[in-house]
């Protein structure tokens, strides 16, 4: 989408342990394009991946200014093989 939605960094401990998964995050965006609220809608099997996805959405994602919006996205953590 428009704005800035960088991918989360893969947690080192999760990478070393071979943890992979998909985290579904639901969030709202305010009129200024900032994430206002965010929560895990469907967790992965691994808490480290869930935390990394949620932290990135809350702290680093930005959108163009506009009205109040709701989104739900899946963030996939997959190790290179």
PDB file of N, CA and C in Angstrom:
ATOM      1  N   UNK A   1       0.810  -1.175   0.000  1.00  0.00           N
ATOM      2  CA  UNK A   1       0.000   0.000   0.000  1.00  0.00           C
ATOM      3  C   UNK A   1       0.860   1.248   0.000  1.00  0.00           C
ATOM      4  N   UNK A   2       0.211   2.382   0.008  1.00  0.00           N
ATOM      5  CA  UNK A   2       0.932   3.643   0.069  1.00  0.00           C
ATOM      6  C   UNK A   2       1.457   3.856   1.478  1.00  0.00           C
ATOM      7  N   UNK A   3       2.462   4.701   1.586  1.00  0.00           N
ATOM      8  CA  UNK A   3       3.053   4.966   2.889  1.00  0.00           C
ATOM      9  C   UNK A   3       4.314   4.146   3.081  1.00  0.00           C
ATOM     10  N   UNK A   4       4.567   3.809   4.340  1.00  0.00           N
ATOM     11  CA  UNK A   4       5.785   3.073   4.665  1.00  0.00           C
ATOM     12  C   UNK A   4       5.423   1.914   5.585  1.00  0.00           C
ATOM     13  N   UNK A   5       5.610   0.699   5.088  1.00  0.00           N
ATOM     14  CA  UNK A   5       5.344  -0.500   5.877  1.00  0.00           C
ATOM     15  C   UNK A   5       6.524  -1.464   5.765  1.00  0.00           C
ATOM     16  N   UNK A   6       7.623  -1.154   6.452  1.00  0.00           N
ATOM     17  CA  UNK A   6       8.788  -2.043   6.358  1.00  0.00           C
ATOM     18  C   UNK A   6       8.516  -3.407   6.988  1.00  0.00           C
ATOM     19  N   UNK A   7       9.198  -4.396   6.461  1.00  0.00           N
ATOM     20  CA  UNK A   7       9.101  -5.744   7.018  1.00  0.00           C
ATOM     21  C   UNK A   7       9.770  -5.781   8.387  1.00  0.00           C
ATOM     22  N   UNK A   8       9.254  -6.598   9.285  1.00  0.00           N
ATOM     23  CA  UNK A   8       9.907  -6.728  10.589  1.00  0.00           C
ATOM     24  C   UNK A   8      11.244  -7.448  10.468  1.00  0.00           C
ATOM     25  N   UNK A   9      12.140  -7.143  11.377  1.00  0.00           N
ATOM     26  CA  UNK A   9      13.397  -7.890  11.438  1.00  0.00           C
ATOM     27  C   UNK A   9      13.101  -9.272  12.015  1.00  0.00           C
ATOM     28  N   UNK A  10      13.770 -10.260  11.455  1.00  0.00           N
ATOM     29  CA  UNK A  10      13.603 -11.628  11.948  1.00  0.00           C
ATOM     30  C   UNK A  10      14.313 -11.714  13.297  1.00  0.00           C
ATOM     31  N   UNK A  11      13.634 -12.088  14.368  1.00  0.00           N
ATOM     32  CA  UNK A  11      14.307 -12.209  15.661  1.00  0.00           C
ATOM     33  C   UNK A  11      15.428 -13.247  15.587  1.00  0.00           C
ATOM     34  N   UNK A  12      16.603 -12.885  16.061  1.00  0.00           N
ATOM     35  CA  UNK A  12      17.764 -13.795  15.976  1.00  0.00           C
ATOM     36  C   UNK A  12      17.507 -15.135  16.632  1.00  0.00           C
ATOM     37  N   UNK A  13      16.906 -15.100  17.823  1.00  0.00           N
ATOM     38  CA  UNK A  13      16.648 -16.360  18.539  1.00  0.00           C
ATOM     39  C   UNK A  13      15.680 -17.239  17.743  1.00  0.00           C
ATOM     40  N   UNK A  14      14.689 -16.622  17.105  1.00  0.00           N
ATOM     41  CA  UNK A  14      13.732 -17.384  16.299  1.00  0.00           C
ATOM     42  C   UNK A  14      14.418 -17.966  15.068  1.00  0.00           C
ATOM     43  N   UNK A  15      15.306 -17.194  14.469  1.00  0.00           N
ATOM     44  CA  UNK A  15      16.048 -17.662  13.299  1.00  0.00           C
ATOM     45  C   UNK A  15      16.933 -18.851  13.670  1.00  0.00           C
ATOM     46  N   UNK A  16      17.663 -18.723  14.763  1.00  0.00           N
ATOM     47  CA  UNK A  16      18.547 -19.814  15.210  1.00  0.00           C
ATOM     48  C   UNK A  16      17.759 -21.081  15.522  1.00  0.00           C
ATOM     49  N   UNK A  17      16.541 -20.909  16.047  1.00  0.00           N
ATOM     50  CA  UNK A  17      15.710 -22.063  16.408  1.00  0.00           C
ATOM     51  C   UNK A  17      14.928 -22.621  15.227  1.00  0.00           C
ATOM     52  N   UNK A  18      15.040 -21.972  14.057  1.00  0.00           N
ATOM     53  CA  UNK A  18      14.335 -22.447  12.874  1.00  0.00           C
ATOM     54  C   UNK A  18      12.842 -22.165  12.893  1.00  0.00           C
ATOM     55  N   UNK A  19      12.425 -21.156  13.651  1.00  0.00           N
ATOM     56  CA  UNK A  19      11.004 -20.840  13.776  1.00  0.00           C
ATOM     57  C   UNK A  19      10.506 -20.064  12.555  1.00  0.00           C
ATOM     58  N   UNK A  20       9.413 -20.525  11.979  1.00  0.00           N
ATOM     59  CA  UNK A  20       8.757 -19.864  10.858  1.00  0.00           C
ATOM     60  C   UNK A  20       7.264 -19.807  11.150  1.00  0.00           C
ATOM     61  N   UNK A  21       6.575 -18.882  10.507  1.00  0.00           N
ATOM     62  CA  UNK A  21       5.133 -18.819  10.705  1.00  0.00           C
ATOM     63  C   UNK A  21       4.535 -17.561  10.126  1.00  0.00           C
ATOM     64  N   UNK A  22       3.228 -17.475  10.233  1.00  0.00           N
ATOM     65  CA  UNK A  22       2.468 -16.324   9.751  1.00  0.00           C
ATOM     66  C   UNK A  22       1.740 -15.715  10.936  1.00  0.00           C
ATOM     67  N   UNK A  23       1.865 -14.392  11.067  1.00  0.00           N
ATOM     68  CA  UNK A  23       1.191 -13.648  12.125  1.00  0.00           C
ATOM     69  C   UNK A  23       0.150 -12.747  11.460  1.00  0.00           C
ATOM     70  N   UNK A  24      -1.073 -12.804  11.917  1.00  0.00           N
ATOM     71  CA  UNK A  24      -2.114 -11.909  11.394  1.00  0.00           C
ATOM     72  C   UNK A  24      -2.313 -10.785  12.410  1.00  0.00           C
ATOM     73  N   UNK A  25      -2.151  -9.541  11.944  1.00  0.00           N
ATOM     74  CA  UNK A  25      -2.243  -8.370  12.807  1.00  0.00           C
ATOM     75  C   UNK A  25      -3.401  -7.490  12.341  1.00  0.00           C
ATOM     76  N   UNK A  26      -4.272  -7.127  13.269  1.00  0.00           N
ATOM     77  CA  UNK A  26      -5.338  -6.179  12.999  1.00  0.00           C
ATOM     78  C   UNK A  26      -4.943  -4.838  13.594  1.00  0.00           C
ATOM     79  N   UNK A  27      -5.186  -3.755  12.859  1.00  0.00           N
ATOM     80  CA  UNK A  27      -4.790  -2.444  13.388  1.00  0.00           C
ATOM     81  C   UNK A  27      -5.651  -1.336  12.803  1.00  0.00           C
ATOM     82  N   UNK A  28      -5.633  -0.190  13.485  1.00  0.00           N
ATOM     83  CA  UNK A  28      -6.344   0.993  13.012  1.00  0.00           C
ATOM     84  C   UNK A  28      -5.323   2.093  12.746  1.00  0.00           C
ATOM     85  N   UNK A  29      -5.673   2.940  11.774  1.00  0.00           N
ATOM     86  CA  UNK A  29      -4.823   4.061  11.384  1.00  0.00           C
ATOM     87  C   UNK A  29      -5.622   5.342  11.598  1.00  0.00           C
ATOM     88  N   UNK A  30      -4.995   6.338  12.237  1.00  0.00           N
ATOM     89  CA  UNK A  30      -5.691   7.594  12.492  1.00  0.00           C
ATOM     90  C   UNK A  30      -5.629   8.530  11.282  1.00  0.00           C
ATOM     91  N   UNK A  31      -6.227   9.684  11.399  1.00  0.00           N
ATOM     92  CA  UNK A  31      -6.307  10.637  10.290  1.00  0.00           C
ATOM     93  C   UNK A  31      -4.947  11.157   9.842  1.00  0.00           C
ATOM     94  N   UNK A  32      -3.946  11.054  10.714  1.00  0.00           N
ATOM     95  CA  UNK A  32      -2.594  11.523  10.386  1.00  0.00           C
ATOM     96  C   UNK A  32      -1.746  10.441   9.720  1.00  0.00           C
ATOM     97  N   UNK A  33      -2.293   9.227   9.593  1.00  0.00           N
ATOM     98  CA  UNK A  33      -1.579   8.132   8.952  1.00  0.00           C
ATOM     99  C   UNK A  33      -0.735   7.300   9.898  1.00  0.00           C
ATOM    100  N   UNK A  34      -0.951   7.478  11.187  1.00  0.00           N
ATOM    101  CA  UNK A  34      -0.199   6.703  12.184  1.00  0.00           C
ATOM    102  C   UNK A  34      -1.050   5.547  12.712  1.00  0.00           C
ATOM    103  N   UNK A  35      -0.395   4.441  13.016  1.00  0.00           N
ATOM    104  CA  UNK A  35      -1.097   3.297  13.595  1.00  0.00           C
ATOM    105  C   UNK A  35      -1.521   3.690  15.007  1.00  0.00           C
ATOM    106  N   UNK A  36      -2.813   3.607  15.248  1.00  0.00           N
ATOM    107  CA  UNK A  36      -3.372   4.017  16.535  1.00  0.00           C
ATOM    108  C   UNK A  36      -3.447   2.836  17.501  1.00  0.00           C
ATOM    109  N   UNK A  37      -3.993   1.717  17.024  1.00  0.00           N
ATOM    110  CA  UNK A  37      -4.071   0.499  17.836  1.00  0.00           C
ATOM    111  C   UNK A  37      -3.648  -0.676  16.964  1.00  0.00           C
ATOM    112  N   UNK A  38      -3.093  -1.692  17.595  1.00  0.00           N
ATOM    113  CA  UNK A  38      -2.700  -2.907  16.875  1.00  0.00           C
ATOM    114  C   UNK A  38      -2.768  -4.083  17.842  1.00  0.00           C
ATOM    115  N   UNK A  39      -3.213  -5.223  17.327  1.00  0.00           N
ATOM    116  CA  UNK A  39      -3.315  -6.434  18.142  1.00  0.00           C
ATOM    117  C   UNK A  39      -3.159  -7.650  17.235  1.00  0.00           C
ATOM    118  N   UNK A  40      -2.737  -8.738  17.836  1.00  0.00           N
ATOM    119  CA  UNK A  40      -2.615  -9.999  17.105  1.00  0.00           C
ATOM    120  C   UNK A  40      -4.021 -10.548  16.862  1.00  0.00           C
ATOM    121  N   UNK A  41      -4.371 -10.747  15.602  1.00  0.00           N
ATOM    122  CA  UNK A  41      -5.672 -11.321  15.240  1.00  0.00           C
ATOM    123  C   UNK A  41      -5.583 -12.846  15.190  1.00  0.00           C
ATOM    124  N   UNK A  42      -4.437 -13.361  14.726  1.00  0.00           N
ATOM    125  CA  UNK A  42      -4.187 -14.800  14.677  1.00  0.00           C
ATOM    126  C   UNK A  42      -2.685 -14.997  14.874  1.00  0.00           C
ATOM    127  N   UNK A  43      -2.285 -15.600  15.980  1.00  0.00           N
ATOM    128  CA  UNK A  43      -0.855 -15.742  16.260  1.00  0.00           C
ATOM    129  C   UNK A  43      -0.198 -16.846  15.438  1.00  0.00           C
ATOM    130  N   UNK A  44       1.121 -16.731  15.333  1.00  0.00           N
ATOM    131  CA  UNK A  44       1.920 -17.829  14.786  1.00  0.00           C
ATOM    132  C   UNK A  44       2.134 -18.812  15.939  1.00  0.00           C
ATOM    133  N   UNK A  45       2.801 -19.914  15.691  1.00  0.00           N
ATOM    134  CA  UNK A  45       3.109 -20.821  16.802  1.00  0.00           C
ATOM    135  C   UNK A  45       4.212 -20.279  17.730  1.00  0.00           C
ATOM    136  N   UNK A  46       4.828 -19.146  17.370  1.00  0.00           N
ATOM    137  CA  UNK A  46       6.007 -18.673  18.070  1.00  0.00           C
ATOM    138  C   UNK A  46       5.829 -17.240  18.587  1.00  0.00           C
ATOM    139  N   UNK A  47       5.850 -17.044  19.912  1.00  0.00           N
ATOM    140  CA  UNK A  47       5.682 -15.709  20.491  1.00  0.00           C
ATOM    141  C   UNK A  47       6.707 -14.680  20.005  1.00  0.00           C
ATOM    142  N   UNK A  48       7.948 -15.092  19.739  1.00  0.00           N
ATOM    143  CA  UNK A  48       8.953 -14.133  19.259  1.00  0.00           C
ATOM    144  C   UNK A  48       8.547 -13.524  17.921  1.00  0.00           C
ATOM    145  N   UNK A  49       7.966 -14.324  17.039  1.00  0.00           N
ATOM    146  CA  UNK A  49       7.516 -13.822  15.745  1.00  0.00           C
ATOM    147  C   UNK A  49       6.319 -12.889  15.916  1.00  0.00           C
ATOM    148  N   UNK A  50       5.406 -13.255  16.808  1.00  0.00           N
ATOM    149  CA  UNK A  50       4.238 -12.412  17.077  1.00  0.00           C
ATOM    150  C   UNK A  50       4.674 -11.037  17.587  1.00  0.00           C
ATOM    151  N   UNK A  51       5.599 -11.034  18.538  1.00  0.00           N
ATOM    152  CA  UNK A  51       6.082  -9.780  19.121  1.00  0.00           C
ATOM    153  C   UNK A  51       6.780  -8.903  18.082  1.00  0.00           C
ATOM    154  N   UNK A  52       7.585  -9.502  17.220  1.00  0.00           N
ATOM    155  CA  UNK A  52       8.306  -8.738  16.198  1.00  0.00           C
ATOM    156  C   UNK A  52       7.329  -8.099  15.210  1.00  0.00           C
ATOM    157  N   UNK A  53       6.315  -8.842  14.796  1.00  0.00           N
ATOM    158  CA  UNK A  53       5.324  -8.308  13.858  1.00  0.00           C
ATOM    159  C   UNK A  53       4.547  -7.158  14.489  1.00  0.00           C
ATOM    160  N   UNK A  54       4.076  -7.349  15.697  1.00  0.00           N
ATOM    161  CA  UNK A  54       3.280  -6.331  16.380  1.00  0.00           C
ATOM    162  C   UNK A  54       4.097  -5.061  16.634  1.00  0.00           C
ATOM    163  N   UNK A  55       5.318  -5.224  17.082  1.00  0.00           N
ATOM    164  CA  UNK A  55       6.191  -4.066  17.349  1.00  0.00           C
ATOM    165  C   UNK A  55       6.434  -3.256  16.078  1.00  0.00           C
ATOM    166  N   UNK A  56       6.690  -3.933  14.972  1.00  0.00           N
ATOM    167  CA  UNK A  56       6.958  -3.230  13.713  1.00  0.00           C
ATOM    168  C   UNK A  56       5.733  -2.466  13.236  1.00  0.00           C
ATOM    169  N   UNK A  57       4.559  -3.099  13.275  1.00  0.00           N
ATOM    170  CA  UNK A  57       3.339  -2.416  12.847  1.00  0.00           C
ATOM    171  C   UNK A  57       3.091  -1.194  13.731  1.00  0.00           C
ATOM    172  N   UNK A  58       3.210  -1.350  15.032  1.00  0.00           N
ATOM    173  CA  UNK A  58       2.946  -0.237  15.954  1.00  0.00           C
ATOM    174  C   UNK A  58       3.940   0.912  15.804  1.00  0.00           C
ATOM    175  N   UNK A  59       5.208   0.587  15.661  1.00  0.00           N
ATOM    176  CA  UNK A  59       6.250   1.613  15.741  1.00  0.00           C
ATOM    177  C   UNK A  59       6.742   2.142  14.405  1.00  0.00           C
ATOM    178  N   UNK A  60       6.652   1.361  13.342  1.00  0.00           N
ATOM    179  CA  UNK A  60       7.312   1.766  12.095  1.00  0.00           C
ATOM    180  C   UNK A  60       6.390   1.967  10.908  1.00  0.00           C
ATOM    181  N   UNK A  61       5.174   1.444  10.956  1.00  0.00           N
ATOM    182  CA  UNK A  61       4.291   1.577   9.803  1.00  0.00           C
ATOM    183  C   UNK A  61       3.619   2.935   9.785  1.00  0.00           C
ATOM    184  N   UNK A  62       3.583   3.552   8.599  1.00  0.00           N
ATOM    185  CA  UNK A  62       2.934   4.853   8.390  1.00  0.00           C
ATOM    186  C   UNK A  62       2.129   4.799   7.098  1.00  0.00           C
ATOM    187  N   UNK A  63       1.075   5.582   7.063  1.00  0.00           N
ATOM    188  CA  UNK A  63       0.175   5.638   5.913  1.00  0.00           C
ATOM    189  C   UNK A  63      -0.078   7.093   5.540  1.00  0.00           C
ATOM    190  N   UNK A  64      -0.583   7.341   4.329  1.00  0.00           N
ATOM    191  CA  UNK A  64      -0.922   8.713   3.951  1.00  0.00           C
ATOM    192  C   UNK A  64      -2.046   9.242   4.866  1.00  0.00           C
ATOM    193  N   UNK A  65      -2.068  10.532   5.120  1.00  0.00           N
ATOM    194  CA  UNK A  65      -3.177  11.100   5.904  1.00  0.00           C
ATOM    195  C   UNK A  65      -4.514  10.810   5.215  1.00  0.00           C
ATOM    196  N   UNK A  66      -5.537  10.701   6.003  1.00  0.00           N
ATOM    197  CA  UNK A  66      -6.878  10.420   5.476  1.00  0.00           C
ATOM    198  C   UNK A  66      -7.806  10.147   6.637  1.00  0.00           C
ATOM    199  N   UNK A  67      -8.882   9.502   6.366  1.00  0.00           N
ATOM    200  CA  UNK A  67      -9.832   9.165   7.426  1.00  0.00           C
ATOM    201  C   UNK A  67      -9.337   8.005   8.276  1.00  0.00           C
ATOM    202  N   UNK A  68     -10.088   7.731   9.316  1.00  0.00           N
ATOM    203  CA  UNK A  68      -9.830   6.599  10.197  1.00  0.00           C
ATOM    204  C   UNK A  68      -9.992   5.317   9.382  1.00  0.00           C
ATOM    205  N   UNK A  69      -9.040   4.386   9.479  1.00  0.00           N
ATOM    206  CA  UNK A  69      -9.078   3.143   8.700  1.00  0.00           C
ATOM    207  C   UNK A  69      -8.752   1.936   9.576  1.00  0.00           C
ATOM    208  N   UNK A  70      -9.275   0.796   9.164  1.00  0.00           N
ATOM    209  CA  UNK A  70      -8.968  -0.495   9.815  1.00  0.00           C
ATOM    210  C   UNK A  70      -8.366  -1.427   8.779  1.00  0.00           C
ATOM    211  N   UNK A  71      -7.365  -2.160   9.215  1.00  0.00           N
ATOM    212  CA  UNK A  71      -6.723  -3.136   8.334  1.00  0.00           C
ATOM    213  C   UNK A  71      -6.473  -4.422   9.105  1.00  0.00           C
ATOM    214  N   UNK A  72      -6.308  -5.501   8.361  1.00  0.00           N
ATOM    215  CA  UNK A  72      -5.840  -6.770   8.917  1.00  0.00           C
ATOM    216  C   UNK A  72      -4.896  -7.354   7.879  1.00  0.00           C
ATOM    217  N   UNK A  73      -3.668  -7.633   8.288  1.00  0.00           N
ATOM    218  CA  UNK A  73      -2.650  -8.123   7.363  1.00  0.00           C
ATOM    219  C   UNK A  73      -1.980  -9.368   7.929  1.00  0.00           C
ATOM    220  N   UNK A  74      -1.453 -10.176   7.020  1.00  0.00           N
ATOM    221  CA  UNK A  74      -0.654 -11.341   7.405  1.00  0.00           C
ATOM    222  C   UNK A  74       0.810 -11.020   7.141  1.00  0.00           C
ATOM    223  N   UNK A  75       1.632 -11.302   8.125  1.00  0.00           N
ATOM    224  CA  UNK A  75       3.077 -11.100   8.000  1.00  0.00           C
ATOM    225  C   UNK A  75       3.731 -12.471   8.099  1.00  0.00           C
ATOM    226  N   UNK A  76       4.433 -12.851   7.040  1.00  0.00           N
ATOM    227  CA  UNK A  76       5.050 -14.178   6.970  1.00  0.00           C
ATOM    228  C   UNK A  76       6.526 -14.088   7.344  1.00  0.00           C
ATOM    229  N   UNK A  77       6.919 -14.962   8.257  1.00  0.00           N
ATOM    230  CA  UNK A  77       8.320 -15.128   8.622  1.00  0.00           C
ATOM    231  C   UNK A  77       8.783 -16.442   8.013  1.00  0.00           C
ATOM    232  N   UNK A  78       9.711 -16.373   7.076  1.00  0.00           N
ATOM    233  CA  UNK A  78      10.196 -17.562   6.398  1.00  0.00           C
ATOM    234  C   UNK A  78      11.702 -17.457   6.254  1.00  0.00           C
ATOM    235  N   UNK A  79      12.389 -18.490   6.702  1.00  0.00           N
ATOM    236  CA  UNK A  79      13.846 -18.518   6.620  1.00  0.00           C
ATOM    237  C   UNK A  79      14.288 -18.871   5.218  1.00  0.00           C
ATOM    238  N   UNK A  80      15.394 -18.280   4.790  1.00  0.00           N
ATOM    239  CA  UNK A  80      15.965 -18.632   3.488  1.00  0.00           C
ATOM    240  C   UNK A  80      16.598 -19.995   3.592  1.00  0.00           C
ATOM    241  N   UNK A  81      16.385 -20.802   2.567  1.00  0.00           N
ATOM    242  CA  UNK A  81      16.913 -22.173   2.607  1.00  0.00           C
ATOM    243  C   UNK A  81      17.987 -22.354   1.567  1.00  0.00           C
TER     244      UNK A  81
END
